[in-house]
Amino acid sequence: MPRGPIGRIVARMMEKSNRDRNSFVISLLNLQPADYVLEVGYACGMDMIRVSREVTSGLVMGVDHSESMFNLASKRNKKLLESGRMQLHVGPATKLPFAYPYFDKVFSIDVAQYAKDPVKDFRELKRVLREGGMAVVAMEGQDEQTAERLRADFEKADFKNVKLDQSAHLICVSGRK
């Protein structure tokens, strides 16, 4: 949970070093202009900017458990927040603050490896997806055991059409509701 000045510095460093791999994850979403998209673990909010470039008439929302990241992302995305095209929330991935299936696409990068109960967390992602919606979860790693465990957990969470993609030290799993 990044906090304070050190957390902001680390977030900015990660933003630069992770740009290409995060763009790869976002490309898997096949974003459409009117999509409603949720990022779980938005950190400094840079990926939400990338998403908002493609989601021009929909809505981009984010949930992150860190108040420091909320503050940083709010400053960075001030215009998008003021326009109503983006919303940021603070809270855990284990209980998303949405009462009904709201999103066409949900994605999360480098959050799954911290989950105490990944299947439960993935079910929570699925809960907020509209019928036919897509979730993409990515995490640092390369080994086959981790990739297989992530894929199996997605299937246990009852996602359909589960697919595993790997790219330069990144494991991505996607599925549909």
Protein backbone atom coordinates (compact mmCIF):
# COMPACT_ATOMS: atom_id res chain seq x y z
CA MET A 1 0.00 0.00 0.00
CA PRO A 2 2.02 2.99 -1.26
CA ARG A 3 1.95 5.99 1.09
CA GLY A 4 3.42 9.44 1.41
CA PRO A 5 6.25 10.94 -0.60
CA ILE A 6 8.13 7.64 -0.97
CA GLY A 7 4.99 5.93 -2.27
CA ARG A 8 4.51 8.68 -4.86
CA ILE A 9 8.13 8.36 -6.00
CA VAL A 10 7.83 4.58 -6.32
CA ALA A 11 4.54 4.96 -8.23
CA ARG A 12 6.14 7.34 -10.73
CA MET A 13 9.12 5.03 -11.21
CA MET A 14 6.81 2.06 -11.77
CA GLU A 15 4.74 4.09 -14.23
CA LYS A 16 7.77 4.63 -16.47
CA SER A 17 9.19 1.12 -16.18
CA ASN A 18 5.82 -0.60 -16.73
CA ARG A 19 4.49 1.50 -19.63
CA ASP A 20 4.97 -1.08 -22.42
CA ARG A 21 3.70 -4.10 -20.52
CA ASN A 22 0.67 -2.20 -19.22
CA SER A 23 -0.11 -1.09 -22.78
CA PHE A 24 -0.04 -4.77 -23.76
CA VAL A 25 -2.62 -5.56 -21.04
CA ILE A 26 -4.86 -2.70 -22.15
CA SER A 27 -4.66 -3.91 -25.77
CA LEU A 28 -6.17 -7.23 -24.67
CA LEU A 29 -9.34 -5.40 -23.58
CA ASN A 30 -10.31 -4.44 -27.14
CA LEU A 31 -11.72 -1.16 -25.85
CA GLN A 32 -14.66 0.52 -27.56
CA PRO A 33 -15.62 4.20 -27.32
CA ALA A 34 -18.79 3.60 -25.27
CA ASP A 35 -17.34 1.00 -22.86
CA TYR A 36 -17.66 1.29 -19.10
CA VAL A 37 -14.24 0.23 -17.80
CA LEU A 38 -12.98 -0.44 -14.28
CA GLU A 39 -9.34 -0.62 -13.24
CA VAL A 40 -8.70 -2.29 -9.90
CA GLY A 41 -5.43 -0.98 -8.49
CA TYR A 42 -5.05 2.23 -10.51
CA ALA A 43 -1.96 3.47 -8.57
CA CYS A 44 -0.94 6.83 -10.06
CA GLY A 45 -3.73 6.71 -12.68
CA MET A 46 -1.61 6.61 -15.82
CA ASP A 47 -3.31 3.54 -17.30
CA MET A 48 -6.67 5.21 -16.78
CA ILE A 49 -5.46 8.05 -19.01
CA ARG A 50 -4.53 5.51 -21.70
CA VAL A 51 -7.94 3.87 -21.41
CA SER A 52 -9.77 7.21 -21.56
CA ARG A 53 -8.12 7.95 -24.92
CA GLU A 54 -10.06 5.02 -26.39
CA VAL A 55 -13.17 5.22 -24.20
CA THR A 56 -14.42 8.58 -25.42
CA SER A 57 -18.17 8.34 -24.76
CA GLY A 58 -18.21 5.73 -21.97
CA LEU A 59 -16.87 5.89 -18.43
CA VAL A 60 -13.53 4.98 -16.86
CA MET A 61 -13.57 4.14 -13.16
CA GLY A 62 -10.94 2.99 -10.73
CA VAL A 63 -10.64 1.45 -7.28
CA ASP A 64 -7.40 1.44 -5.30
CA HIS A 65 -6.87 0.73 -1.60
CA SER A 66 -4.29 3.51 -1.17
CA GLU A 67 -5.38 7.01 -0.19
CA SER A 68 -1.98 8.31 -1.39
CA MET A 69 -2.55 6.83 -4.84
CA PHE A 70 -6.06 8.30 -4.87
CA ASN A 71 -4.59 11.75 -4.23
CA LEU A 72 -1.89 11.33 -6.89
CA ALA A 73 -4.30 9.93 -9.50
CA SER A 74 -6.85 12.65 -8.71
CA LYS A 75 -4.31 15.39 -9.42
CA ARG A 76 -3.09 13.69 -12.57
CA ASN A 77 -6.62 13.12 -13.90
CA LYS A 78 -8.24 16.34 -12.71
CA LYS A 79 -9.71 17.32 -16.10
CA LEU A 80 -11.15 13.86 -16.78
CA LEU A 81 -12.65 13.74 -13.29
CA GLU A 82 -14.19 17.20 -13.68
CA SER A 83 -15.63 16.25 -17.08
CA GLY A 84 -17.42 13.25 -15.56
CA ARG A 85 -15.62 10.80 -17.87
CA MET A 86 -13.67 9.31 -14.96
CA GLN A 87 -14.36 8.39 -11.33
CA LEU A 88 -11.91 7.24 -8.66
CA HIS A 89 -12.72 5.30 -5.50
CA VAL A 90 -10.71 4.14 -2.50
CA GLY A 91 -11.39 0.62 -1.31
CA PRO A 92 -10.31 -3.00 -1.40
CA ALA A 93 -10.42 -5.31 -4.41
CA THR A 94 -12.21 -7.82 -2.21
CA LYS A 95 -15.39 -5.70 -1.98
CA LEU A 96 -15.90 -3.38 -4.92
CA PRO A 97 -18.23 -0.41 -4.28
CA PHE A 98 -20.75 -1.22 -7.00
CA ALA A 99 -24.15 -2.72 -6.27
CA TYR A 100 -24.82 -4.25 -9.67
CA PRO A 101 -23.12 -5.36 -12.92
CA TYR A 102 -21.93 -2.05 -14.29
CA PHE A 103 -18.88 -2.65 -16.47
CA ASP A 104 -18.10 -3.94 -19.95
CA LYS A 105 -14.42 -4.38 -19.14
CA VAL A 106 -12.47 -4.80 -15.91
CA PHE A 107 -8.70 -4.99 -15.61
CA SER A 108 -6.12 -5.25 -12.90
CA ILE A 109 -2.33 -5.20 -13.12
CA ASP A 110 -0.01 -6.38 -10.33
CA VAL A 111 -2.77 -6.83 -7.76
CA ALA A 112 -3.54 -10.56 -8.00
CA GLN A 113 -0.24 -11.63 -6.43
CA TYR A 114 -1.33 -9.97 -3.17
CA ALA A 115 -4.75 -11.65 -2.99
CA LYS A 116 -5.38 -13.81 0.05
CA ASP A 117 -8.20 -15.59 -1.78
CA PRO A 118 -7.77 -14.99 -5.54
CA VAL A 119 -10.85 -17.01 -6.55
CA LYS A 120 -13.02 -14.87 -4.27
CA ASP A 121 -11.46 -11.69 -5.66
CA PHE A 122 -11.97 -12.87 -9.24
CA ARG A 123 -15.62 -13.62 -8.45
CA GLU A 124 -15.89 -10.04 -7.24
CA LEU A 125 -14.55 -8.83 -10.59
CA LYS A 126 -17.07 -11.03 -12.35
CA ARG A 127 -19.91 -9.75 -10.15
CA VAL A 128 -19.48 -6.17 -11.40
CA LEU A 129 -19.26 -7.19 -15.08
CA ARG A 130 -22.25 -7.01 -17.40
CA GLU A 131 -23.24 -10.23 -19.15
CA GLY A 132 -20.61 -10.96 -21.81
CA GLY A 133 -18.19 -8.49 -20.20
CA MET A 134 -14.47 -9.19 -20.09
CA ALA A 135 -11.91 -9.21 -17.28
CA VAL A 136 -8.14 -9.16 -17.72
CA VAL A 137 -5.81 -9.75 -14.78
CA ALA A 138 -2.05 -9.45 -15.16
CA MET A 139 0.83 -9.99 -12.82
CA GLU A 140 4.59 -9.99 -12.90
CA GLY A 141 6.02 -13.42 -13.56
CA GLN A 142 7.02 -15.90 -16.15
CA ASP A 143 6.92 -19.37 -14.66
CA GLU A 144 4.41 -21.92 -15.87
CA GLN A 145 3.17 -22.85 -12.38
CA THR A 146 2.13 -19.29 -11.60
CA ALA A 147 0.51 -18.91 -15.02
CA GLU A 148 -1.40 -22.18 -14.64
CA ARG A 149 -2.54 -21.27 -11.11
CA LEU A 150 -3.83 -17.90 -12.31
CA ARG A 151 -5.70 -19.53 -15.21
CA ALA A 152 -7.17 -22.21 -12.93
CA ASP A 153 -8.31 -19.60 -10.38
CA PHE A 154 -10.08 -17.68 -13.14
CA GLU A 155 -11.89 -20.85 -14.18
CA LYS A 156 -12.81 -21.59 -10.54
CA ALA A 157 -14.33 -18.09 -10.41
CA ASP A 158 -16.62 -19.26 -13.24
CA PHE A 159 -15.25 -17.11 -16.03
CA LYS A 160 -15.90 -18.44 -19.53
CA ASN A 161 -13.51 -18.49 -22.50
CA VAL A 162 -10.50 -18.23 -20.19
CA LYS A 163 -7.34 -17.41 -22.09
CA LEU A 164 -3.74 -17.14 -20.95
CA ASP A 165 -1.33 -14.67 -22.57
CA GLN A 166 2.29 -14.16 -21.61
CA SER A 167 4.64 -11.38 -22.61
CA ALA A 168 8.10 -10.47 -21.29
CA HIS A 169 7.81 -11.25 -17.57
CA LEU A 170 4.05 -10.75 -17.53
CA ILE A 171 1.28 -13.28 -17.07
CA CYS A 172 -2.20 -12.26 -18.24
CA VAL A 173 -5.41 -14.17 -17.92
CA SER A 174 -8.70 -13.07 -19.45
CA GLY A 175 -12.23 -14.36 -19.37
CA ARG A 176 -15.84 -13.43 -19.99
CA LYS A 177 -18.89 -13.37 -17.78
